[in-house]
Amino acid sequence: METPTLTHIKKIAEGDEDFQSSLILILKRELPKEFSSYKDLIKEKAFSKASEIVHKMRHKIIILGLEEGHKIASQLENELKKGLLTQHHNSFTKIIATMEQFLEKIN
């Protein structure tokens, strides 16, 4: 499994520590809320709405350098739009858990 990094965030921030910290804070704040919404929508079998949440989360996945994770999220998003829930759900859940653990370690 891929490991999240701050490489892309640092590139975007161009040395601006305040901006970098702001991006990380946004990830820390939004990711758990979006993931919670996603899980609730899956339980309700509201797959179309869940696909919208996955779409938002894809950007957070790529900003932490998870290219394969982004591909999995894209596949999951497309499947959810079709009303399907496949093994990509389990992979996606693991990716998000990895991201949350990574973000927890950052001060």
PDB file of N, CA and C in Angstrom:
ATOM      1  N   MET A   1       0.845  -1.183   0.000  1.00  0.00           N
ATOM      2  CA  MET A   1       0.000   0.000   0.000  1.00  0.00           C
ATOM      3  C   MET A   1       0.888   1.244   0.000  1.00  0.00           C
ATOM      4  N   GLU A   2       0.427   2.257  -0.686  1.00  0.00           N
ATOM      5  CA  GLU A   2       1.153   3.522  -0.761  1.00  0.00           C
ATOM      6  C   GLU A   2       1.195   4.206   0.607  1.00  0.00           C
ATOM      7  N   THR A   3       2.180   5.055   0.749  1.00  0.00           N
ATOM      8  CA  THR A   3       2.322   5.839   1.965  1.00  0.00           C
ATOM      9  C   THR A   3       2.080   7.311   1.644  1.00  0.00           C
ATOM     10  N   PRO A   4       1.224   7.968   2.416  1.00  0.00           N
ATOM     11  CA  PRO A   4       0.998   9.398   2.189  1.00  0.00           C
ATOM     12  C   PRO A   4       2.278  10.202   2.412  1.00  0.00           C
ATOM     13  N   THR A   5       2.393  11.310   1.700  1.00  0.00           N
ATOM     14  CA  THR A   5       3.534  12.215   1.861  1.00  0.00           C
ATOM     15  C   THR A   5       3.043  13.657   1.822  1.00  0.00           C
ATOM     16  N   LEU A   6       3.917  14.542   2.222  1.00  0.00           N
ATOM     17  CA  LEU A   6       3.621  15.980   2.142  1.00  0.00           C
ATOM     18  C   LEU A   6       4.283  16.623   0.928  1.00  0.00           C
ATOM     19  N   THR A   7       4.873  15.825   0.060  1.00  0.00           N
ATOM     20  CA  THR A   7       5.616  16.337  -1.086  1.00  0.00           C
ATOM     21  C   THR A   7       4.780  17.286  -1.937  1.00  0.00           C
ATOM     22  N   HIS A   8       3.570  16.866  -2.278  1.00  0.00           N
ATOM     23  CA  HIS A   8       2.720  17.698  -3.136  1.00  0.00           C
ATOM     24  C   HIS A   8       2.301  18.982  -2.408  1.00  0.00           C
ATOM     25  N   ILE A   9       1.997  18.868  -1.141  1.00  0.00           N
ATOM     26  CA  ILE A   9       1.614  20.054  -0.353  1.00  0.00           C
ATOM     27  C   ILE A   9       2.775  21.036  -0.298  1.00  0.00           C
ATOM     28  N   LYS A  10       3.968  20.533  -0.065  1.00  0.00           N
ATOM     29  CA  LYS A  10       5.145  21.409  -0.002  1.00  0.00           C
ATOM     30  C   LYS A  10       5.394  22.092  -1.346  1.00  0.00           C
ATOM     31  N   LYS A  11       5.156  21.356  -2.428  1.00  0.00           N
ATOM     32  CA  LYS A  11       5.327  21.931  -3.761  1.00  0.00           C
ATOM     33  C   LYS A  11       4.321  23.061  -3.993  1.00  0.00           C
ATOM     34  N   ILE A  12       3.078  22.825  -3.604  1.00  0.00           N
ATOM     35  CA  ILE A  12       2.031  23.843  -3.761  1.00  0.00           C
ATOM     36  C   ILE A  12       2.343  25.064  -2.903  1.00  0.00           C
ATOM     37  N   ALA A  13       2.804  24.827  -1.670  1.00  0.00           N
ATOM     38  CA  ALA A  13       3.051  25.912  -0.715  1.00  0.00           C
ATOM     39  C   ALA A  13       4.277  26.749  -1.077  1.00  0.00           C
ATOM     40  N   GLU A  14       5.175  26.196  -1.870  1.00  0.00           N
ATOM     41  CA  GLU A  14       6.382  26.915  -2.307  1.00  0.00           C
ATOM     42  C   GLU A  14       7.123  27.564  -1.142  1.00  0.00           C
ATOM     43  N   GLY A  15       7.280  26.818  -0.049  1.00  0.00           N
ATOM     44  CA  GLY A  15       8.033  27.326   1.088  1.00  0.00           C
ATOM     45  C   GLY A  15       7.238  28.170   2.075  1.00  0.00           C
ATOM     46  N   ASP A  16       5.994  28.436   1.773  1.00  0.00           N
ATOM     47  CA  ASP A  16       5.146  29.225   2.670  1.00  0.00           C
ATOM     48  C   ASP A  16       4.603  28.300   3.759  1.00  0.00           C
ATOM     49  N   GLU A  17       5.256  28.343   4.920  1.00  0.00           N
ATOM     50  CA  GLU A  17       4.902  27.449   6.028  1.00  0.00           C
ATOM     51  C   GLU A  17       3.464  27.664   6.510  1.00  0.00           C
ATOM     52  N   ASP A  18       3.011  28.912   6.531  1.00  0.00           N
ATOM     53  CA  ASP A  18       1.638  29.196   6.968  1.00  0.00           C
ATOM     54  C   ASP A  18       0.628  28.565   6.017  1.00  0.00           C
ATOM     55  N   PHE A  19       0.883  28.691   4.731  1.00  0.00           N
ATOM     56  CA  PHE A  19      -0.022  28.107   3.739  1.00  0.00           C
ATOM     57  C   PHE A  19      -0.018  26.582   3.842  1.00  0.00           C
ATOM     58  N   GLN A  20       1.172  26.014   4.009  1.00  0.00           N
ATOM     59  CA  GLN A  20       1.288  24.566   4.163  1.00  0.00           C
ATOM     60  C   GLN A  20       0.506  24.102   5.394  1.00  0.00           C
ATOM     61  N   SER A  21       0.668  24.809   6.482  1.00  0.00           N
ATOM     62  CA  SER A  21      -0.062  24.459   7.717  1.00  0.00           C
ATOM     63  C   SER A  21      -1.563  24.576   7.517  1.00  0.00           C
ATOM     64  N   SER A  22      -1.986  25.574   6.764  1.00  0.00           N
ATOM     65  CA  SER A  22      -3.416  25.756   6.487  1.00  0.00           C
ATOM     66  C   SER A  22      -3.976  24.584   5.684  1.00  0.00           C
ATOM     67  N   LEU A  23      -3.231  24.146   4.681  1.00  0.00           N
ATOM     68  CA  LEU A  23      -3.671  23.003   3.877  1.00  0.00           C
ATOM     69  C   LEU A  23      -3.800  21.743   4.737  1.00  0.00           C
ATOM     70  N   ILE A  24      -2.826  21.528   5.582  1.00  0.00           N
ATOM     71  CA  ILE A  24      -2.849  20.352   6.453  1.00  0.00           C
ATOM     72  C   ILE A  24      -4.017  20.437   7.423  1.00  0.00           C
ATOM     73  N   LEU A  25      -4.253  21.607   7.964  1.00  0.00           N
ATOM     74  CA  LEU A  25      -5.373  21.799   8.889  1.00  0.00           C
ATOM     75  C   LEU A  25      -6.709  21.521   8.199  1.00  0.00           C
ATOM     76  N   ILE A  26      -6.852  21.966   6.975  1.00  0.00           N
ATOM     77  CA  ILE A  26      -8.073  21.699   6.207  1.00  0.00           C
ATOM     78  C   ILE A  26      -8.260  20.194   6.030  1.00  0.00           C
ATOM     79  N   LEU A  27      -7.191  19.491   5.674  1.00  0.00           N
ATOM     80  CA  LEU A  27      -7.270  18.036   5.523  1.00  0.00           C
ATOM     81  C   LEU A  27      -7.680  17.372   6.828  1.00  0.00           C
ATOM     82  N   LYS A  28      -7.048  17.787   7.913  1.00  0.00           N
ATOM     83  CA  LYS A  28      -7.350  17.201   9.229  1.00  0.00           C
ATOM     84  C   LYS A  28      -8.800  17.437   9.643  1.00  0.00           C
ATOM     85  N   ARG A  29      -9.326  18.580   9.287  1.00  0.00           N
ATOM     86  CA  ARG A  29     -10.682  18.947   9.676  1.00  0.00           C
ATOM     87  C   ARG A  29     -11.733  18.307   8.768  1.00  0.00           C
ATOM     88  N   GLU A  30     -11.508  18.322   7.470  1.00  0.00           N
ATOM     89  CA  GLU A  30     -12.522  17.878   6.519  1.00  0.00           C
ATOM     90  C   GLU A  30     -12.558  16.373   6.286  1.00  0.00           C
ATOM     91  N   LEU A  31     -11.396  15.736   6.261  1.00  0.00           N
ATOM     92  CA  LEU A  31     -11.337  14.314   5.920  1.00  0.00           C
ATOM     93  C   LEU A  31     -12.211  13.445   6.831  1.00  0.00           C
ATOM     94  N   PRO A  32     -12.115  13.570   8.152  1.00  0.00           N
ATOM     95  CA  PRO A  32     -12.964  12.730   9.007  1.00  0.00           C
ATOM     96  C   PRO A  32     -14.460  12.982   8.816  1.00  0.00           C
ATOM     97  N   LYS A  33     -14.826  14.237   8.619  1.00  0.00           N
ATOM     98  CA  LYS A  33     -16.245  14.573   8.409  1.00  0.00           C
ATOM     99  C   LYS A  33     -16.759  13.960   7.113  1.00  0.00           C
ATOM    100  N   GLU A  34     -15.975  14.100   6.058  1.00  0.00           N
ATOM    101  CA  GLU A  34     -16.393  13.544   4.769  1.00  0.00           C
ATOM    102  C   GLU A  34     -16.453  12.026   4.818  1.00  0.00           C
ATOM    103  N   PHE A  35     -15.492  11.414   5.492  1.00  0.00           N
ATOM    104  CA  PHE A  35     -15.481   9.954   5.578  1.00  0.00           C
ATOM    105  C   PHE A  35     -16.674   9.453   6.389  1.00  0.00           C
ATOM    106  N   SER A  36     -17.010  10.164   7.430  1.00  0.00           N
ATOM    107  CA  SER A  36     -18.180   9.807   8.226  1.00  0.00           C
ATOM    108  C   SER A  36     -19.456   9.909   7.387  1.00  0.00           C
ATOM    109  N   SER A  37     -19.571  10.967   6.615  1.00  0.00           N
ATOM    110  CA  SER A  37     -20.724  11.130   5.721  1.00  0.00           C
ATOM    111  C   SER A  37     -20.778  10.006   4.700  1.00  0.00           C
ATOM    112  N   TYR A  38     -19.616   9.666   4.143  1.00  0.00           N
ATOM    113  CA  TYR A  38     -19.534   8.584   3.167  1.00  0.00           C
ATOM    114  C   TYR A  38     -20.054   7.282   3.777  1.00  0.00           C
ATOM    115  N   LYS A  39     -19.569   6.931   4.956  1.00  0.00           N
ATOM    116  CA  LYS A  39     -19.981   5.680   5.604  1.00  0.00           C
ATOM    117  C   LYS A  39     -21.484   5.677   5.890  1.00  0.00           C
ATOM    118  N   ASP A  40     -22.022   6.814   6.325  1.00  0.00           N
ATOM    119  CA  ASP A  40     -23.468   6.902   6.574  1.00  0.00           C
ATOM    120  C   ASP A  40     -24.259   6.685   5.292  1.00  0.00           C
ATOM    121  N   LEU A  41     -23.811   7.298   4.211  1.00  0.00           N
ATOM    122  CA  LEU A  41     -24.504   7.158   2.930  1.00  0.00           C
ATOM    123  C   LEU A  41     -24.436   5.728   2.404  1.00  0.00           C
ATOM    124  N   ILE A  42     -23.318   5.064   2.632  1.00  0.00           N
ATOM    125  CA  ILE A  42     -23.187   3.665   2.219  1.00  0.00           C
ATOM    126  C   ILE A  42     -24.169   2.806   3.008  1.00  0.00           C
ATOM    127  N   LYS A  43     -24.258   3.046   4.309  1.00  0.00           N
ATOM    128  CA  LYS A  43     -25.209   2.285   5.142  1.00  0.00           C
ATOM    129  C   LYS A  43     -26.641   2.488   4.657  1.00  0.00           C
ATOM    130  N   GLU A  44     -26.943   3.702   4.208  1.00  0.00           N
ATOM    131  CA  GLU A  44     -28.285   4.029   3.721  1.00  0.00           C
ATOM    132  C   GLU A  44     -28.492   3.576   2.271  1.00  0.00           C
ATOM    133  N   LYS A  45     -27.430   3.049   1.668  1.00  0.00           N
ATOM    134  CA  LYS A  45     -27.441   2.647   0.262  1.00  0.00           C
ATOM    135  C   LYS A  45     -27.738   3.821  -0.679  1.00  0.00           C
ATOM    136  N   ALA A  46     -27.314   5.005  -0.248  1.00  0.00           N
ATOM    137  CA  ALA A  46     -27.446   6.215  -1.057  1.00  0.00           C
ATOM    138  C   ALA A  46     -26.157   6.366  -1.876  1.00  0.00           C
ATOM    139  N   PHE A  47     -25.977   5.433  -2.800  1.00  0.00           N
ATOM    140  CA  PHE A  47     -24.722   5.335  -3.531  1.00  0.00           C
ATOM    141  C   PHE A  47     -24.414   6.559  -4.395  1.00  0.00           C
ATOM    142  N   SER A  48     -25.423   7.148  -4.997  1.00  0.00           N
ATOM    143  CA  SER A  48     -25.188   8.325  -5.826  1.00  0.00           C
ATOM    144  C   SER A  48     -24.631   9.481  -4.995  1.00  0.00           C
ATOM    145  N   LYS A  49     -25.223   9.702  -3.835  1.00  0.00           N
ATOM    146  CA  LYS A  49     -24.721  10.756  -2.944  1.00  0.00           C
ATOM    147  C   LYS A  49     -23.343  10.405  -2.408  1.00  0.00           C
ATOM    148  N   ALA A  50     -23.104   9.125  -2.131  1.00  0.00           N
ATOM    149  CA  ALA A  50     -21.784   8.680  -1.667  1.00  0.00           C
ATOM    150  C   ALA A  50     -20.730   8.950  -2.735  1.00  0.00           C
ATOM    151  N   SER A  51     -21.104   8.807  -4.004  1.00  0.00           N
ATOM    152  CA  SER A  51     -20.151   9.071  -5.090  1.00  0.00           C
ATOM    153  C   SER A  51     -19.716  10.535  -5.082  1.00  0.00           C
ATOM    154  N   GLU A  52     -20.608  11.424  -4.705  1.00  0.00           N
ATOM    155  CA  GLU A  52     -20.260  12.848  -4.629  1.00  0.00           C
ATOM    156  C   GLU A  52     -19.229  13.106  -3.532  1.00  0.00           C
ATOM    157  N   ILE A  53     -19.368  12.404  -2.417  1.00  0.00           N
ATOM    158  CA  ILE A  53     -18.403  12.538  -1.325  1.00  0.00           C
ATOM    159  C   ILE A  53     -17.045  11.977  -1.756  1.00  0.00           C
ATOM    160  N   VAL A  54     -17.056  10.843  -2.430  1.00  0.00           N
ATOM    161  CA  VAL A  54     -15.807  10.251  -2.915  1.00  0.00           C
ATOM    162  C   VAL A  54     -15.120  11.222  -3.869  1.00  0.00           C
ATOM    163  N   HIS A  55     -15.895  11.884  -4.711  1.00  0.00           N
ATOM    164  CA  HIS A  55     -15.333  12.858  -5.644  1.00  0.00           C
ATOM    165  C   HIS A  55     -14.569  13.948  -4.884  1.00  0.00           C
ATOM    166  N   LYS A  56     -15.156  14.460  -3.822  1.00  0.00           N
ATOM    167  CA  LYS A  56     -14.480  15.480  -3.008  1.00  0.00           C
ATOM    168  C   LYS A  56     -13.217  14.924  -2.363  1.00  0.00           C
ATOM    169  N   MET A  57     -13.309  13.704  -1.891  1.00  0.00           N
ATOM    170  CA  MET A  57     -12.188  13.108  -1.177  1.00  0.00           C
ATOM    171  C   MET A  57     -11.034  12.741  -2.106  1.00  0.00           C
ATOM    172  N   ARG A  58     -11.326  12.517  -3.371  1.00  0.00           N
ATOM    173  CA  ARG A  58     -10.269  12.192  -4.345  1.00  0.00           C
ATOM    174  C   ARG A  58      -9.185  13.257  -4.359  1.00  0.00           C
ATOM    175  N   HIS A  59      -9.582  14.506  -4.236  1.00  0.00           N
ATOM    176  CA  HIS A  59      -8.618  15.606  -4.254  1.00  0.00           C
ATOM    177  C   HIS A  59      -7.691  15.544  -3.046  1.00  0.00           C
ATOM    178  N   LYS A  60      -8.212  15.147  -1.929  1.00  0.00           N
ATOM    179  CA  LYS A  60      -7.399  15.010  -0.721  1.00  0.00           C
ATOM    180  C   LYS A  60      -6.442  13.829  -0.855  1.00  0.00           C
ATOM    181  N   ILE A  61      -6.884  12.794  -1.524  1.00  0.00           N
ATOM    182  CA  ILE A  61      -6.037  11.625  -1.729  1.00  0.00           C
ATOM    183  C   ILE A  61      -4.834  11.988  -2.596  1.00  0.00           C
ATOM    184  N   ILE A  62      -5.079  12.701  -3.668  1.00  0.00           N
ATOM    185  CA  ILE A  62      -3.979  13.040  -4.579  1.00  0.00           C
ATOM    186  C   ILE A  62      -3.046  14.071  -3.961  1.00  0.00           C
ATOM    187  N   ILE A  63      -3.569  14.957  -3.139  1.00  0.00           N
ATOM    188  CA  ILE A  63      -2.712  15.980  -2.527  1.00  0.00           C
ATOM    189  C   ILE A  63      -1.738  15.359  -1.525  1.00  0.00           C
ATOM    190  N   LEU A  64      -2.073  14.166  -1.031  1.00  0.00           N
ATOM    191  CA  LEU A  64      -1.145  13.442  -0.145  1.00  0.00           C
ATOM    192  C   LEU A  64      -0.312  12.416  -0.922  1.00  0.00           C
ATOM    193  N   GLY A  65      -0.310  12.546  -2.252  1.00  0.00           N
ATOM    194  CA  GLY A  65       0.587  11.767  -3.096  1.00  0.00           C
ATOM    195  C   GLY A  65       0.195  10.320  -3.336  1.00  0.00           C
ATOM    196  N   LEU A  66      -1.069   9.992  -3.136  1.00  0.00           N
ATOM    197  CA  LEU A  66      -1.522   8.608  -3.289  1.00  0.00           C
ATOM    198  C   LEU A  66      -2.142   8.403  -4.672  1.00  0.00           C
ATOM    199  N   GLU A  67      -1.286   8.202  -5.656  1.00  0.00           N
ATOM    200  CA  GLU A  67      -1.763   8.077  -7.036  1.00  0.00           C
ATOM    201  C   GLU A  67      -2.615   6.835  -7.245  1.00  0.00           C
ATOM    202  N   GLU A  68      -2.172   5.699  -6.717  1.00  0.00           N
ATOM    203  CA  GLU A  68      -2.977   4.474  -6.835  1.00  0.00           C
ATOM    204  C   GLU A  68      -4.287   4.630  -6.059  1.00  0.00           C
ATOM    205  N   GLY A  69      -4.203   5.261  -4.913  1.00  0.00           N
ATOM    206  CA  GLY A  69      -5.404   5.524  -4.117  1.00  0.00           C
ATOM    207  C   GLY A  69      -6.397   6.388  -4.873  1.00  0.00           C
ATOM    208  N   HIS A  70      -5.873   7.343  -5.625  1.00  0.00           N
ATOM    209  CA  HIS A  70      -6.722   8.214  -6.434  1.00  0.00           C
ATOM    210  C   HIS A  70      -7.434   7.404  -7.514  1.00  0.00           C
ATOM    211  N   LYS A  71      -6.709   6.478  -8.119  1.00  0.00           N
ATOM    212  CA  LYS A  71      -7.317   5.618  -9.150  1.00  0.00           C
ATOM    213  C   LYS A  71      -8.429   4.758  -8.556  1.00  0.00           C
ATOM    214  N   ILE A  72      -8.176   4.205  -7.382  1.00  0.00           N
ATOM    215  CA  ILE A  72      -9.191   3.382  -6.711  1.00  0.00           C
ATOM    216  C   ILE A  72     -10.412   4.228  -6.380  1.00  0.00           C
ATOM    217  N   ALA A  73     -10.190   5.431  -5.878  1.00  0.00           N
ATOM    218  CA  ALA A  73     -11.303   6.325  -5.548  1.00  0.00           C
ATOM    219  C   ALA A  73     -12.108   6.677  -6.802  1.00  0.00           C
ATOM    220  N   SER A  74     -11.421   6.904  -7.908  1.00  0.00           N
ATOM    221  CA  SER A  74     -12.110   7.203  -9.168  1.00  0.00           C
ATOM    222  C   SER A  74     -12.971   6.032  -9.617  1.00  0.00           C
ATOM    223  N   GLN A  75     -12.427   4.824  -9.490  1.00  0.00           N
ATOM    224  CA  GLN A  75     -13.195   3.636  -9.859  1.00  0.00           C
ATOM    225  C   GLN A  75     -14.404   3.476  -8.944  1.00  0.00           C
ATOM    226  N   LEU A  76     -14.192   3.685  -7.649  1.00  0.00           N
ATOM    227  CA  LEU A  76     -15.296   3.587  -6.692  1.00  0.00           C
ATOM    228  C   LEU A  76     -16.367   4.625  -7.009  1.00  0.00           C
ATOM    229  N   GLU A  77     -15.946   5.841  -7.283  1.00  0.00           N
ATOM    230  CA  GLU A  77     -16.904   6.903  -7.620  1.00  0.00           C
ATOM    231  C   GLU A  77     -17.777   6.486  -8.805  1.00  0.00           C
ATOM    232  N   ASN A  78     -17.160   5.973  -9.856  1.00  0.00           N
ATOM    233  CA  ASN A  78     -17.908   5.554 -11.047  1.00  0.00           C
ATOM    234  C   ASN A  78     -18.850   4.393 -10.750  1.00  0.00           C
ATOM    235  N   GLU A  79     -18.389   3.453  -9.946  1.00  0.00           N
ATOM    236  CA  GLU A  79     -19.237   2.309  -9.589  1.00  0.00           C
ATOM    237  C   GLU A  79     -20.437   2.759  -8.757  1.00  0.00           C
ATOM    238  N   LEU A  80     -20.185   3.653  -7.802  1.00  0.00           N
ATOM    239  CA  LEU A  80     -21.284   4.142  -6.966  1.00  0.00           C
ATOM    240  C   LEU A  80     -22.329   4.880  -7.805  1.00  0.00           C
ATOM    241  N   LYS A  81     -21.877   5.608  -8.802  1.00  0.00           N
ATOM    242  CA  LYS A  81     -22.815   6.301  -9.694  1.00  0.00           C
ATOM    243  C   LYS A  81     -23.741   5.317 -10.399  1.00  0.00           C
ATOM    244  N   LYS A  82     -23.236   4.100 -10.613  1.00  0.00           N
ATOM    245  CA  LYS A  82     -24.029   3.051 -11.264  1.00  0.00           C
ATOM    246  C   LYS A  82     -24.806   2.221 -10.255  1.00  0.00           C
ATOM    247  N   GLY A  83     -24.703   2.583  -8.976  1.00  0.00           N
ATOM    248  CA  GLY A  83     -25.421   1.853  -7.934  1.00  0.00           C
ATOM    249  C   GLY A  83     -24.723   0.591  -7.484  1.00  0.00           C
ATOM    250  N   LEU A  84     -23.419   0.503  -7.742  1.00  0.00           N
ATOM    251  CA  LEU A  84     -22.655  -0.689  -7.396  1.00  0.00           C
ATOM    252  C   LEU A  84     -21.726  -0.417  -6.214  1.00  0.00           C
ATOM    253  N   LEU A  85     -21.580  -1.417  -5.368  1.00  0.00           N
ATOM    254  CA  LEU A  85     -20.625  -1.343  -4.271  1.00  0.00           C
ATOM    255  C   LEU A  85     -19.731  -2.581  -4.383  1.00  0.00           C
ATOM    256  N   THR A  86     -18.457  -2.366  -4.718  1.00  0.00           N
ATOM    257  CA  THR A  86     -17.544  -3.475  -4.988  1.00  0.00           C
ATOM    258  C   THR A  86     -16.399  -3.487  -3.983  1.00  0.00           C
ATOM    259  N   GLN A  87     -15.388  -4.288  -4.296  1.00  0.00           N
ATOM    260  CA  GLN A  87     -14.213  -4.375  -3.434  1.00  0.00           C
ATOM    261  C   GLN A  87     -13.476  -3.057  -3.321  1.00  0.00           C
ATOM    262  N   HIS A  88     -13.734  -2.134  -4.233  1.00  0.00           N
ATOM    263  CA  HIS A  88     -13.081  -0.823  -4.148  1.00  0.00           C
ATOM    264  C   HIS A  88     -13.487  -0.082  -2.879  1.00  0.00           C
ATOM    265  N   HIS A  89     -14.658  -0.400  -2.361  1.00  0.00           N
ATOM    266  CA  HIS A  89     -15.094   0.208  -1.096  1.00  0.00           C
ATOM    267  C   HIS A  89     -14.111  -0.145   0.023  1.00  0.00           C
ATOM    268  N   ASN A  90     -13.738  -1.414   0.125  1.00  0.00           N
ATOM    269  CA  ASN A  90     -12.806  -1.841   1.172  1.00  0.00           C
ATOM    270  C   ASN A  90     -11.434  -1.202   0.985  1.00  0.00           C
ATOM    271  N   SER A  91     -10.969  -1.147  -0.237  1.00  0.00           N
ATOM    272  CA  SER A  91      -9.678  -0.512  -0.528  1.00  0.00           C
ATOM    273  C   SER A  91      -9.721   0.963  -0.184  1.00  0.00           C
ATOM    274  N   PHE A  92     -10.800   1.628  -0.552  1.00  0.00           N
ATOM    275  CA  PHE A  92     -10.981   3.044  -0.276  1.00  0.00           C
ATOM    276  C   PHE A  92     -10.970   3.290   1.232  1.00  0.00           C
ATOM    277  N   THR A  93     -11.650   2.461   1.972  1.00  0.00           N
ATOM    278  CA  THR A  93     -11.706   2.596   3.430  1.00  0.00           C
ATOM    279  C   THR A  93     -10.301   2.499   4.032  1.00  0.00           C
ATOM    280  N   LYS A  94      -9.494   1.577   3.525  1.00  0.00           N
ATOM    281  CA  LYS A  94      -8.117   1.425   4.010  1.00  0.00           C
ATOM    282  C   LYS A  94      -7.270   2.649   3.661  1.00  0.00           C
ATOM    283  N   ILE A  95      -7.478   3.184   2.476  1.00  0.00           N
ATOM    284  CA  ILE A  95      -6.729   4.373   2.045  1.00  0.00           C
ATOM    285  C   ILE A  95      -7.033   5.539   2.976  1.00  0.00           C
ATOM    286  N   ILE A  96      -8.306   5.755   3.249  1.00  0.00           N
ATOM    287  CA  ILE A  96      -8.693   6.873   4.107  1.00  0.00           C
ATOM    288  C   ILE A  96      -8.164   6.668   5.522  1.00  0.00           C
ATOM    289  N   ALA A  97      -8.215   5.457   6.037  1.00  0.00           N
ATOM    290  CA  ALA A  97      -7.676   5.177   7.374  1.00  0.00           C
ATOM    291  C   ALA A  97      -6.174   5.482   7.418  1.00  0.00           C
ATOM    292  N   THR A  98      -5.465   5.119   6.370  1.00  0.00           N
ATOM    293  CA  THR A  98      -4.026   5.406   6.284  1.00  0.00           C
ATOM    294  C   THR A  98      -3.781   6.909   6.273  1.00  0.00           C
ATOM    295  N   MET A  99      -4.596   7.637   5.539  1.00  0.00           N
ATOM    296  CA  MET A  99      -4.468   9.094   5.480  1.00  0.00           C
ATOM    297  C   MET A  99      -4.732   9.720   6.850  1.00  0.00           C
ATOM    298  N   GLU A 100      -5.764   9.261   7.519  1.00  0.00           N
ATOM    299  CA  GLU A 100      -6.097   9.809   8.835  1.00  0.00           C
ATOM    300  C   GLU A 100      -4.973   9.542   9.831  1.00  0.00           C
ATOM    301  N   GLN A 101      -4.404   8.355   9.809  1.00  0.00           N
ATOM    302  CA  GLN A 101      -3.281   8.041  10.703  1.00  0.00           C
ATOM    303  C   GLN A 101      -2.072   8.928  10.401  1.00  0.00           C
ATOM    304  N   PHE A 102      -1.811   9.134   9.132  1.00  0.00           N
ATOM    305  CA  PHE A 102      -0.704   9.996   8.716  1.00  0.00           C
ATOM    306  C   PHE A 102      -0.915  11.426   9.210  1.00  0.00           C
ATOM    307  N   LEU A 103      -2.107  11.953   9.017  1.00  0.00           N
ATOM    308  CA  LEU A 103      -2.401  13.323   9.414  1.00  0.00           C
ATOM    309  C   LEU A 103      -2.361  13.509  10.927  1.00  0.00           C
ATOM    310  N   GLU A 104      -2.736  12.476  11.674  1.00  0.00           N
ATOM    311  CA  GLU A 104      -2.700  12.558  13.135  1.00  0.00           C
ATOM    312  C   GLU A 104      -1.281  12.764  13.656  1.00  0.00           C
ATOM    313  N   LYS A 105      -0.299  12.262  12.927  1.00  0.00           N
ATOM    314  CA  LYS A 105       1.101  12.347  13.349  1.00  0.00           C
ATOM    315  C   LYS A 105       1.733  13.712  13.062  1.00  0.00           C
ATOM    316  N   ILE A 106       1.063  14.525  12.257  1.00  0.00           N
ATOM    317  CA  ILE A 106       1.604  15.835  11.883  1.00  0.00           C
ATOM    318  C   ILE A 106       1.128  16.871  12.896  1.00  0.00           C
ATOM    319  N   ASN A 107       2.082  17.648  13.405  1.00  0.00           N
ATOM    320  CA  ASN A 107       1.723  18.712  14.375  1.00  0.00           C
ATOM    321  C   ASN A 107       1.201  19.940  13.692  1.00  0.00           C
TER     322      ASN A 107
END
